[in-house]
Protein backbone atom coordinates (compact mmCIF):
# COMPACT_ATOMS: atom_id res chain seq x y z
CA MET A 1 124.64 109.35 75.65
CA GLU A 2 124.13 112.87 74.27
CA ASN A 3 123.36 115.40 77.03
CA CYS A 4 121.93 112.94 79.59
CA GLY A 5 120.87 114.17 83.02
CA ILE A 6 120.45 110.82 84.81
CA SER A 7 123.61 109.50 86.48
CA ARG A 8 121.98 106.71 88.52
CA TRP A 9 118.77 104.69 88.70
CA ASP A 10 117.57 103.74 92.17
CA ASP A 11 115.92 100.38 92.84
CA PRO A 12 112.14 100.96 92.87
CA LYS A 13 111.62 98.06 95.28
CA GLU A 14 113.79 99.76 97.88
CA ILE A 15 112.02 103.10 97.37
CA ASN A 16 108.58 101.50 97.62
CA GLU A 17 109.57 99.65 100.80
CA ARG A 18 110.61 102.95 102.37
CA LEU A 19 107.38 104.60 101.20
CA LYS A 20 105.34 101.74 102.66
CA LYS A 21 107.16 102.18 105.96
CA LEU A 22 106.42 105.93 105.79
CA THR A 23 102.68 105.41 105.32
CA SER A 24 102.46 102.65 107.95
CA GLN A 25 103.26 105.10 110.76
CA PRO A 26 101.70 108.36 111.93
CA ILE A 27 102.44 111.58 110.06
CA TRP A 28 105.57 113.59 110.80
CA GLU A 29 105.14 117.31 110.12
CA VAL A 30 106.16 120.76 111.39
CA ASP A 31 104.75 121.25 114.87
CA ASP A 32 101.82 123.53 115.60
CA ASP A 33 103.87 126.19 117.36
CA TYR A 34 106.23 126.61 114.39
CA TYR A 35 103.39 126.45 111.88
CA GLN A 36 101.24 129.03 113.65
CA ASN A 37 103.89 131.42 114.90
CA THR A 38 106.46 131.26 112.10
CA VAL A 39 104.94 129.86 108.91
CA LEU A 40 101.53 131.53 109.02
CA LYS A 41 103.05 134.69 110.49
CA TYR A 42 105.26 134.93 107.39
CA TYR A 43 102.21 134.90 105.15
CA ASP A 44 100.36 137.40 107.35
CA ASP A 45 103.27 139.83 107.62
CA LYS A 46 105.20 139.42 104.37
CA CYS A 47 102.60 138.44 101.76
CA LYS A 48 99.87 141.07 102.07
CA GLU A 49 99.86 141.96 98.36
CA SER A 50 99.56 138.31 97.32
CA TYR A 51 96.65 137.87 99.69
CA ALA A 52 94.90 140.97 98.34
CA VAL A 53 95.20 139.72 94.76
CA PHE A 54 93.89 136.31 95.77
CA GLN A 55 90.92 137.84 97.57
CA GLU A 56 90.00 139.86 94.47
CA SER A 57 90.62 136.88 92.16
CA GLN A 58 88.05 134.76 93.97
CA LYS A 59 85.35 137.14 92.76
CA TYR A 60 86.12 136.36 89.11
CA ILE A 61 88.02 133.05 88.95
CA PRO A 62 86.68 129.70 90.21
CA GLY A 63 88.83 128.86 93.22
CA GLY A 64 90.78 132.08 92.75
CA VAL A 65 93.49 130.70 90.45
CA GLN A 66 93.59 129.61 86.80
CA HIS A 67 95.90 126.60 87.18
CA ASN A 68 96.00 123.74 89.68
CA LEU A 69 99.71 124.24 90.40
CA ALA A 70 98.91 127.63 91.92
CA PHE A 71 96.89 126.17 94.80
CA ASN A 72 99.01 126.40 97.95
CA LYS A 73 98.43 126.59 101.68
CA PRO A 74 97.38 128.91 103.23
CA PHE A 75 96.69 130.92 100.04
CA PRO A 76 98.31 131.19 96.59
CA MET A 77 101.35 133.39 96.17
CA CYS A 78 101.09 136.03 93.43
CA MET A 79 104.34 136.07 91.49
CA ALA A 80 105.50 139.23 89.75
CA LYS A 81 108.95 138.31 88.40
CA ALA A 82 110.81 135.20 87.27
CA ASN A 83 114.51 135.09 86.55
CA GLY A 84 116.78 132.05 86.30
CA ALA A 85 116.61 130.09 89.54
CA TYR A 86 114.41 132.61 91.36
CA LEU A 87 110.83 133.81 91.63
CA TYR A 88 109.72 137.09 93.21
CA ASP A 89 106.24 137.67 94.56
CA LYS A 90 104.19 140.86 94.42
CA ASP A 91 105.48 141.84 97.87
CA GLY A 92 109.09 141.60 96.64
CA ASN A 93 109.98 138.36 98.45
CA GLN A 94 112.56 136.16 96.69
CA TYR A 95 112.20 132.38 96.37
CA ILE A 96 114.43 129.60 95.07
CA ASP A 97 112.30 128.15 92.30
CA PHE A 98 112.14 124.36 92.23
CA LEU A 99 108.73 124.39 90.56
CA GLN A 100 110.10 125.77 87.28
CA ALA A 101 106.54 126.18 85.94
CA GLY A 102 105.88 122.48 86.53
CA GLY A 103 109.02 121.31 84.76
CA PRO A 104 109.35 123.00 81.36
CA THR A 105 112.00 125.60 82.06
CA ILE A 106 115.11 123.44 82.36
CA LEU A 107 117.14 126.43 81.18
CA GLY A 108 115.77 128.50 84.06
CA SER A 109 112.94 131.01 84.02
CA ASN A 110 112.75 133.79 81.44
CA TYR A 111 115.89 132.58 79.67
CA ASP A 112 117.51 135.50 77.88
CA VAL A 113 118.33 133.89 74.50
CA ILE A 114 114.74 132.64 74.07
CA ARG A 115 113.31 135.98 75.17
CA GLN A 116 115.38 137.86 72.61
CA LYS A 117 114.32 135.52 69.79
CA VAL A 118 110.67 135.93 70.79
CA ILE A 119 110.98 139.73 70.87
CA GLU A 120 112.59 139.67 67.42
CA LEU A 121 109.74 137.53 66.10
CA LEU A 122 107.08 139.79 67.64
CA ASN A 123 108.67 142.84 66.04
CA ASP A 124 108.82 141.24 62.59
CA CYS A 125 105.84 138.92 62.41
CA GLY A 126 103.69 138.92 65.51
CA PRO A 127 102.69 135.82 67.47
CA VAL A 128 100.43 134.22 64.87
CA THR A 129 99.66 134.36 61.13
CA GLY A 130 97.17 131.54 60.61
CA LEU A 131 99.39 130.23 57.79
CA LEU A 132 102.60 128.22 57.50
CA HIS A 133 105.67 129.69 59.21
CA GLU A 134 109.22 128.38 58.77
CA SER A 135 109.59 127.83 62.51
CA GLU A 136 107.05 124.97 62.32
CA MET A 137 109.47 123.03 60.15
CA LEU A 138 112.50 124.07 62.17
CA ILE A 139 111.19 122.73 65.48
CA ALA A 140 109.99 119.46 63.92
CA ARG A 141 113.40 118.96 62.30
CA GLU A 142 115.23 119.83 65.53
CA ILE A 143 113.19 117.29 67.51
CA ASN A 144 113.94 114.61 64.91
CA LYS A 145 117.64 115.48 65.11
CA HIS A 146 117.78 114.54 68.79
CA MET A 147 114.98 111.96 68.84
CA PRO A 148 115.30 110.05 65.56
CA ASN A 149 112.35 107.85 66.57
CA VAL A 150 110.18 110.94 66.10
CA GLU A 151 110.26 110.87 62.32
CA MET A 152 107.33 113.28 62.04
CA PHE A 153 105.93 115.77 64.56
CA ARG A 154 102.64 117.65 64.83
CA MET A 155 102.58 120.53 67.29
CA LEU A 156 99.39 121.05 69.31
CA GLY A 157 98.26 123.31 72.10
CA SER A 158 98.88 121.11 75.14
CA GLY A 159 99.79 117.68 76.41
CA THR A 160 96.10 116.91 76.90
CA GLU A 161 95.37 117.53 73.22
CA SER A 162 98.41 115.52 72.20
CA VAL A 163 97.31 112.48 74.20
CA MET A 164 93.85 112.70 72.62
CA ALA A 165 95.42 112.74 69.15
CA SER A 166 97.72 109.80 69.94
CA LEU A 167 94.81 107.61 71.05
CA ARG A 168 92.91 108.35 67.84
CA ILE A 169 95.99 107.44 65.83
CA ALA A 170 96.43 104.19 67.75
CA ARG A 171 92.85 103.11 67.16
CA ILE A 172 93.03 103.92 63.45
CA ALA A 173 96.39 102.20 63.02
CA THR A 174 95.48 99.00 64.87
CA GLY A 175 91.72 98.77 64.38
CA LYS A 176 91.50 97.99 68.11
CA LYS A 177 89.62 99.75 70.89
CA HIS A 178 91.12 99.54 74.38
CA ILE A 179 93.73 101.91 75.85
CA ILE A 180 95.78 100.70 78.81
CA LYS A 181 97.38 103.31 81.06
CA VAL A 182 99.56 102.82 84.12
CA GLY A 183 97.68 103.61 87.33
CA GLY A 184 98.48 106.88 89.06
CA ALA A 185 99.69 108.63 85.90
CA TYR A 186 98.38 111.94 84.62
CA HIS A 187 97.86 112.14 80.86
CA GLY A 188 95.73 115.27 80.68
CA TRP A 189 92.12 115.92 81.51
CA SER A 190 90.19 114.54 78.52
CA ASP A 191 87.20 112.41 79.53
CA GLN A 192 88.76 109.02 78.82
CA MET A 193 92.01 109.86 80.64
CA VAL A 194 90.59 111.14 83.94
CA TYR A 195 90.88 107.59 85.15
CA GLY A 196 93.21 106.13 87.74
CA LEU A 197 94.69 109.55 88.50
CA LYS A 198 97.16 109.98 91.39
CA ILE A 199 96.30 106.68 93.10
CA PRO A 200 96.66 103.39 91.18
CA GLY A 201 93.44 101.40 91.31
CA SER A 202 91.28 104.47 91.86
CA ARG A 203 89.80 104.12 88.37
CA ASN A 204 86.91 106.63 88.07
CA LEU A 205 86.32 106.96 91.82
CA LEU A 206 88.35 110.09 92.68
CA GLU A 207 88.45 112.79 90.00
CA SER A 208 85.90 111.85 87.32
CA HIS A 209 83.00 114.07 88.39
CA GLY A 210 80.89 115.28 85.46
CA ILE A 211 82.16 112.55 83.12
CA PRO A 212 79.71 109.87 81.91
CA GLY A 213 80.76 106.39 82.99
CA SER A 214 80.60 105.23 79.37
CA SER A 215 83.63 107.43 78.61
CA PHE A 216 85.81 104.91 80.47
CA GLY A 217 84.40 101.87 78.70
CA LYS A 218 87.61 101.26 76.74
CA THR A 219 90.11 102.66 79.25
CA ASP A 220 91.97 100.26 81.54
CA GLU A 221 94.68 100.74 84.16
CA VAL A 222 97.36 98.44 85.50
CA ARG A 223 99.68 98.56 88.49
CA PRO A 224 102.96 100.47 87.96
CA ASN A 225 106.01 98.31 87.32
CA ASP A 226 103.90 95.14 86.98
CA LEU A 227 104.44 93.42 83.63
CA GLU A 228 102.43 90.37 84.71
CA MET A 229 99.31 92.46 85.35
CA LEU A 230 99.83 94.26 82.03
CA GLU A 231 99.94 90.98 80.12
CA LYS A 232 96.78 89.76 81.87
CA MET A 233 95.00 92.94 80.78
CA LEU A 234 96.25 92.57 77.21
CA LYS A 235 94.96 88.98 77.13
CA ARG A 236 91.60 89.96 78.60
CA ASN A 237 91.12 92.76 76.08
CA ARG A 238 91.43 90.32 73.21
CA LEU A 239 87.86 89.27 74.04
CA SER A 240 86.43 92.81 73.68
CA GLY A 241 88.03 94.68 70.80
CA GLY A 242 91.73 94.31 71.57
CA THR A 243 94.26 96.86 72.85
CA ALA A 244 95.12 99.78 70.58
CA ALA A 245 97.86 101.23 72.77
CA VAL A 246 99.67 101.15 76.08
CA LEU A 247 100.31 104.69 77.35
CA LEU A 248 102.89 105.40 80.03
CA GLU A 249 105.36 107.84 81.54
CA PRO A 250 108.72 106.11 81.02
CA VAL A 251 110.17 107.15 84.41
CA GLY A 252 106.98 106.07 86.19
CA PRO A 253 103.62 107.73 86.90
CA GLU A 254 103.50 111.36 88.01
CA SER A 255 107.00 112.17 86.77
CA GLY A 256 108.51 109.19 88.55
CA THR A 257 106.60 109.61 91.81
CA ARG A 258 106.01 105.87 91.40
CA PRO A 259 109.39 104.73 90.08
CA VAL A 260 109.79 101.75 87.78
CA SER A 261 112.65 99.33 87.23
CA LYS A 262 115.14 100.27 84.56
CA ASP A 263 114.10 97.40 82.29
CA TYR A 264 110.35 97.96 82.70
CA ASN A 265 109.92 99.92 79.47
CA LYS A 266 111.68 97.23 77.43
CA GLY A 267 109.30 94.70 78.93
CA VAL A 268 106.31 96.83 77.93
CA ARG A 269 107.74 97.20 74.41
CA GLU A 270 107.96 93.42 74.08
CA LEU A 271 104.39 92.93 75.29
CA CYS A 272 103.06 95.59 72.91
CA ASP A 273 104.77 93.84 70.01
CA ARG A 274 103.40 90.47 71.11
CA TYR A 275 99.80 91.70 71.37
CA GLY A 276 99.79 94.15 68.45
CA ALA A 277 99.39 97.34 70.49
CA LEU A 278 101.18 100.63 69.94
CA LEU A 279 103.52 101.86 72.69
CA ILE A 280 103.02 105.54 73.51
CA PHE A 281 105.56 107.38 75.65
CA ASP A 282 104.25 110.44 77.48
CA GLU A 283 107.41 112.59 77.54
CA VAL A 284 105.66 115.81 78.55
CA VAL A 285 108.03 116.14 81.52
CA THR A 286 110.95 113.92 80.49
CA GLY A 287 111.39 115.08 76.89
CA PHE A 288 114.52 117.31 76.78
CA ARG A 289 114.77 117.17 80.59
CA VAL A 290 116.14 113.74 81.54
CA ALA A 291 118.12 113.67 78.30
CA LEU A 292 118.28 115.51 75.00
CA SER A 293 117.09 112.26 73.43
CA GLY A 294 114.35 111.97 76.02
CA ALA A 295 113.63 109.05 78.30
CA GLN A 296 113.39 106.87 75.19
CA GLY A 297 117.05 107.57 74.55
CA TYR A 298 118.02 106.90 78.15
CA PHE A 299 116.13 103.58 78.27
CA ASP A 300 117.03 102.67 74.68
CA VAL A 301 113.40 101.88 73.84
CA VAL A 302 111.65 102.92 70.63
CA PRO A 303 108.03 103.97 71.21
CA ASP A 304 105.60 104.12 68.31
CA LEU A 305 104.36 107.57 69.35
CA THR A 306 105.71 110.24 71.71
CA ILE A 307 103.70 112.89 73.55
CA PHE A 308 105.35 116.28 74.07
CA GLY A 309 104.49 119.27 76.21
CA LYS A 310 106.04 121.91 78.46
CA ILE A 311 109.63 122.19 77.18
CA VAL A 312 108.62 121.86 73.53
CA ALA A 313 107.62 125.54 73.61
CA GLY A 314 110.51 126.63 75.82
CA GLY A 315 108.23 127.65 78.67
CA TYR A 316 105.92 129.65 76.39
CA PRO A 317 102.22 128.82 75.75
CA ALA A 318 100.84 126.22 73.32
CA ALA A 319 103.24 123.59 74.58
CA GLY A 320 102.27 120.25 73.16
CA GLY A 321 102.63 117.85 70.30
CA VAL A 322 102.68 114.25 69.17
CA GLY A 323 105.23 112.57 66.95
CA GLY A 324 106.59 109.20 66.00
CA LYS A 325 107.04 106.79 63.16
CA LYS A 326 105.85 108.12 59.79
CA GLU A 327 103.31 105.34 59.36
CA TYR A 328 101.56 106.48 62.53
CA ALA A 329 102.24 110.21 62.79
CA GLY A 330 101.27 110.56 59.13
CA LEU A 331 97.71 109.65 60.07
CA MET A 332 97.32 113.25 61.27
CA ALA A 333 97.84 114.68 57.77
CA ALA A 334 96.24 118.10 57.43
CA GLY A 335 93.81 119.34 54.79
CA LEU A 336 90.25 118.53 53.78
CA ALA A 337 88.88 115.03 54.17
CA THR A 338 90.22 112.71 51.48
CA GLY A 339 88.05 109.71 52.15
CA LYS A 340 90.95 108.00 53.89
CA HIS A 341 90.95 107.19 57.59
CA ARG A 342 92.90 109.83 59.46
CA ALA A 343 92.99 111.30 62.95
CA TYR A 344 91.24 114.64 62.96
CA VAL A 345 93.19 117.11 65.08
CA GLY A 346 93.14 120.88 65.14
CA GLY A 347 93.79 124.10 67.00
CA THR A 348 93.91 127.54 65.42
CA LEU A 349 96.86 128.63 67.56
CA SER A 350 98.67 125.30 67.53
CA ALA A 351 102.22 125.66 66.22
CA ASN A 352 101.97 129.44 66.24
CA PRO A 353 105.23 131.17 65.33
CA LEU A 354 105.86 132.42 68.87
CA SER A 355 105.69 128.94 70.41
CA CYS A 356 107.63 127.29 67.59
CA VAL A 357 110.46 129.84 67.69
CA ALA A 358 110.62 129.59 71.50
CA GLY A 359 110.69 125.79 71.42
CA TYR A 360 113.21 125.55 68.58
CA THR A 361 115.51 128.00 70.35
CA ALA A 362 115.09 126.24 73.68
CA ILE A 363 116.08 122.83 72.28
CA GLN A 364 119.12 124.33 70.58
CA GLU A 365 120.14 126.02 73.83
CA ILE A 366 119.62 122.82 75.83
CA ALA A 367 122.02 121.13 73.43
CA ARG A 368 124.54 123.99 73.44
CA THR A 369 124.67 124.39 77.24
CA ASN A 370 124.43 120.70 78.14
CA ALA A 371 121.48 121.70 80.31
CA CYS A 372 120.17 118.19 80.99
CA GLU A 373 123.48 117.06 82.48
CA VAL A 374 124.02 120.27 84.47
CA ALA A 375 120.49 120.22 85.90
CA GLY A 376 120.85 116.50 86.60
CA ARG A 377 124.02 117.04 88.63
CA MET A 378 122.23 119.69 90.65
CA GLY A 379 119.34 117.26 91.15
CA ASP A 380 121.80 114.69 92.51
CA ARG A 381 123.33 117.28 94.82
CA LEU A 382 119.92 118.38 96.11
CA CYS A 383 118.70 114.81 96.61
CA ASP A 384 121.89 113.71 98.38
CA GLY A 385 121.69 116.73 100.66
CA LEU A 386 118.05 115.99 101.52
CA LYS A 387 118.92 112.36 102.32
CA GLU A 388 121.68 113.52 104.67
CA LEU A 389 119.30 115.90 106.45
CA ILE A 390 116.65 113.20 106.76
CA ASP A 391 119.17 110.88 108.38
CA ARG A 392 120.59 113.61 110.60
CA TYR A 393 117.19 114.46 112.08
CA GLY A 394 115.94 110.86 112.24
CA LEU A 395 112.97 111.48 109.96
CA PRO A 396 111.06 108.78 108.03
CA PHE A 397 110.95 110.94 104.89
CA VAL A 398 111.95 109.47 101.53
CA ALA A 399 114.08 111.33 98.96
CA TYR A 400 115.13 110.06 95.54
CA ASN A 401 115.60 111.49 92.06
CA GLN A 402 115.69 110.83 88.35
CA GLY A 403 118.29 113.41 87.43
CA SER A 404 116.73 116.87 87.65
CA ILE A 405 113.40 115.46 88.89
CA VAL A 406 113.70 115.25 92.67
CA HIS A 407 111.12 113.65 94.96
CA LEU A 408 110.74 114.45 98.65
CA GLU A 409 108.00 112.37 100.25
CA CYS A 410 107.20 113.57 103.75
CA THR A 411 103.73 112.06 104.20
CA GLY A 412 103.35 109.53 101.38
CA ALA A 413 99.99 111.05 100.46
CA MET A 414 100.13 109.56 96.96
CA SER A 415 102.00 106.37 97.81
CA PHE A 416 99.01 104.05 98.02
CA ASP A 417 98.10 101.40 95.46
CA PHE A 418 94.74 99.66 95.14
CA SER A 419 95.36 98.08 91.75
CA SER A 420 93.35 94.95 91.06
CA MET A 421 91.72 93.24 88.09
CA SER A 422 88.57 93.44 90.22
CA PHE A 423 86.75 96.77 90.40
CA ALA A 424 85.15 95.78 93.71
CA LYS A 425 88.48 95.02 95.39
CA SER A 426 89.95 98.31 94.22
CA ALA A 427 86.93 100.26 95.42
CA ILE A 428 86.92 98.63 98.87
CA GLY A 429 90.61 99.37 99.40
CA LEU A 430 90.22 102.96 98.24
CA LEU A 431 87.17 103.67 100.39
CA LYS A 432 88.87 102.17 103.44
CA HIS A 433 91.86 104.49 103.14
CA LYS A 434 90.29 107.57 101.50
CA ASP A 435 89.93 109.75 104.62
CA MET A 436 93.46 108.96 105.76
CA MET A 437 94.82 109.82 102.30
CA TYR A 438 93.26 113.27 102.49
CA VAL A 439 94.73 113.82 105.96
CA ARG A 440 98.16 113.00 104.53
CA LYS A 441 97.54 115.29 101.55
CA ASP A 442 96.69 118.14 103.95
CA SER A 443 99.93 117.50 105.84
CA MET A 444 101.91 117.46 102.57
CA GLU A 445 100.50 120.91 101.76
CA ARG A 446 101.37 122.09 105.27
CA MET A 447 104.98 121.09 104.65
CA GLY A 448 104.84 122.92 101.30
CA ALA A 449 103.70 126.06 103.12
CA ALA A 450 106.65 125.76 105.49
CA TYR A 451 109.07 125.48 102.57
CA MET A 452 107.53 128.52 100.90
CA ALA A 453 107.79 130.53 104.11
CA ASN A 454 111.51 129.72 104.03
CA GLY A 455 111.90 130.88 100.45
CA ILE A 456 111.58 127.58 98.57
CA VAL A 457 108.96 126.94 95.88
CA THR A 458 108.11 123.28 95.33
CA LEU A 459 105.41 121.35 93.50
CA ALA A 460 102.88 120.54 96.23
CA GLY A 461 105.65 120.18 98.79
CA SER A 462 106.79 116.86 97.34
CA ARG A 463 108.49 117.40 93.96
CA LEU A 464 111.34 119.65 92.87
CA TYR A 465 112.78 120.40 89.44
CA THR A 466 116.33 121.68 89.08
CA SER A 467 117.53 123.69 86.09
CA LEU A 468 120.60 125.00 84.30
CA ALA A 469 120.28 128.16 86.43
CA ASP A 470 120.95 126.25 89.65
CA THR A 471 124.50 126.32 91.00
CA PRO A 472 126.11 124.40 93.86
CA GLU A 473 125.80 127.55 95.98
CA ILE A 474 122.06 127.83 95.28
CA ILE A 475 121.51 124.16 96.07
CA ASP A 476 123.46 124.45 99.33
CA GLU A 477 121.46 127.51 100.35
CA ALA A 478 118.25 125.61 99.61
CA LEU A 479 119.44 122.75 101.82
CA ASN A 480 120.05 125.22 104.65
CA ARG A 481 116.43 126.32 104.30
CA PHE A 482 115.15 122.75 104.24
CA GLU A 483 117.12 122.10 107.41
CA GLU A 484 115.39 125.03 109.09
CA VAL A 485 112.05 123.32 108.37
CA PHE A 486 113.21 119.83 109.36
CA LYS A 487 114.35 121.14 112.76
CA HIS A 488 110.70 121.71 113.64
CA VAL A 489 109.25 118.40 112.42
CA LYS A 490 107.59 116.21 115.04
CA LYS A 491 105.72 112.92 115.04
CA THR A 492 101.93 113.33 115.35
CA ASP A 493 99.05 110.96 116.05
CA LYS A 494 97.47 111.62 112.63
CA GLY A 495 97.40 109.64 109.42
CA LEU A 496 96.54 106.05 110.34
CA VAL A 497 93.38 104.11 109.45
């Protein structure tokens, strides 16, 4: 397969058994002495400028940061420089960057070739014209080159917007109403999608504050990796408007945090065909990361629509889009209303020249450098090294990866599942475990703080993205730093119901 970053696919049953074992025992975390006298001391002594910026930010920004990824214990780090595999904070401290802006910069941060193309564009044209620019065509054509299933592509401002557009398309194309998502997945923050986030079976019980309950009237969720439950939901929906689309992350919810079997997506494709629903792949993270042809290429499954984000703008803003078969993507045709049914989408700065040039250049560079495969090998090396450390220190932690997406579960804070066809059963299970889940989440963030104090940036202490900029030497140095943290991990009496 062209430029594929996944060399192996672990059995999700084995992973889930290990995660269940992790959450069935008390929490293991860095001990209080190390946390107080080493981790917090680092922040107090070495991160004074970051703390000052955060203190001032709280006066003007709700919560003190503009993006959820920036929330970290004990306070957010203020970054001043990004280069390749490293980040540098305002105090001048260097970090190995396994956040990579949440996944989009598979080439590494501030990649020189993209930066030069953007500077050239800014000198000649500026970031936006409000009219057609050649780069809009170039990026759509380049995506189609590597993902032939994406016959047409419309660039939008974010993954959230792109999901919204795809659901409108699905309802127009099928004449049906319901949308089924896989529990635990994140598909943006539009009203109808803030449902079943993080924890399967949580429905609208965790994050849906400020959203009218009626917004979820046609949104359903099913258990990850459960084709039987999906078919039951498809059958049930026949009685109330039918299912317009099944929306999923092909490697599993939350970028594979809940892994699925390798044949799961083919099973979903068959069920969608049987019940007349569109299959929508959310490739916001996986597109041009797990393979140049995306997860759809790796799994050899043709979705009807594909959601893009992050990498599609090469790490620059306005990263989003939706594409697919002409008969569906064409329902977003631009222009004044023609009397025909079409999905109304917009965004003045969508597909601006800056984002299109950055994304077009990024995809070309991913192809030229074989970035998916290189980053995937480094993901394997990092994951294998973490597994060896976990075994060496006798820890119950769970490490696994899908190429350059590496998971390190130390507390299992998000490893619960309350999926049920019954709302009452789901709610009872969630309420019973809710307090314990938050205790585990706090511990996960504590581990993230320890990694940061040792010069490693992660996503919430539990997910790591490798990039083309990573080398075996960088990975080995990161493992040395992880070992320094693992040396101080102890079993506690926290985290059980």
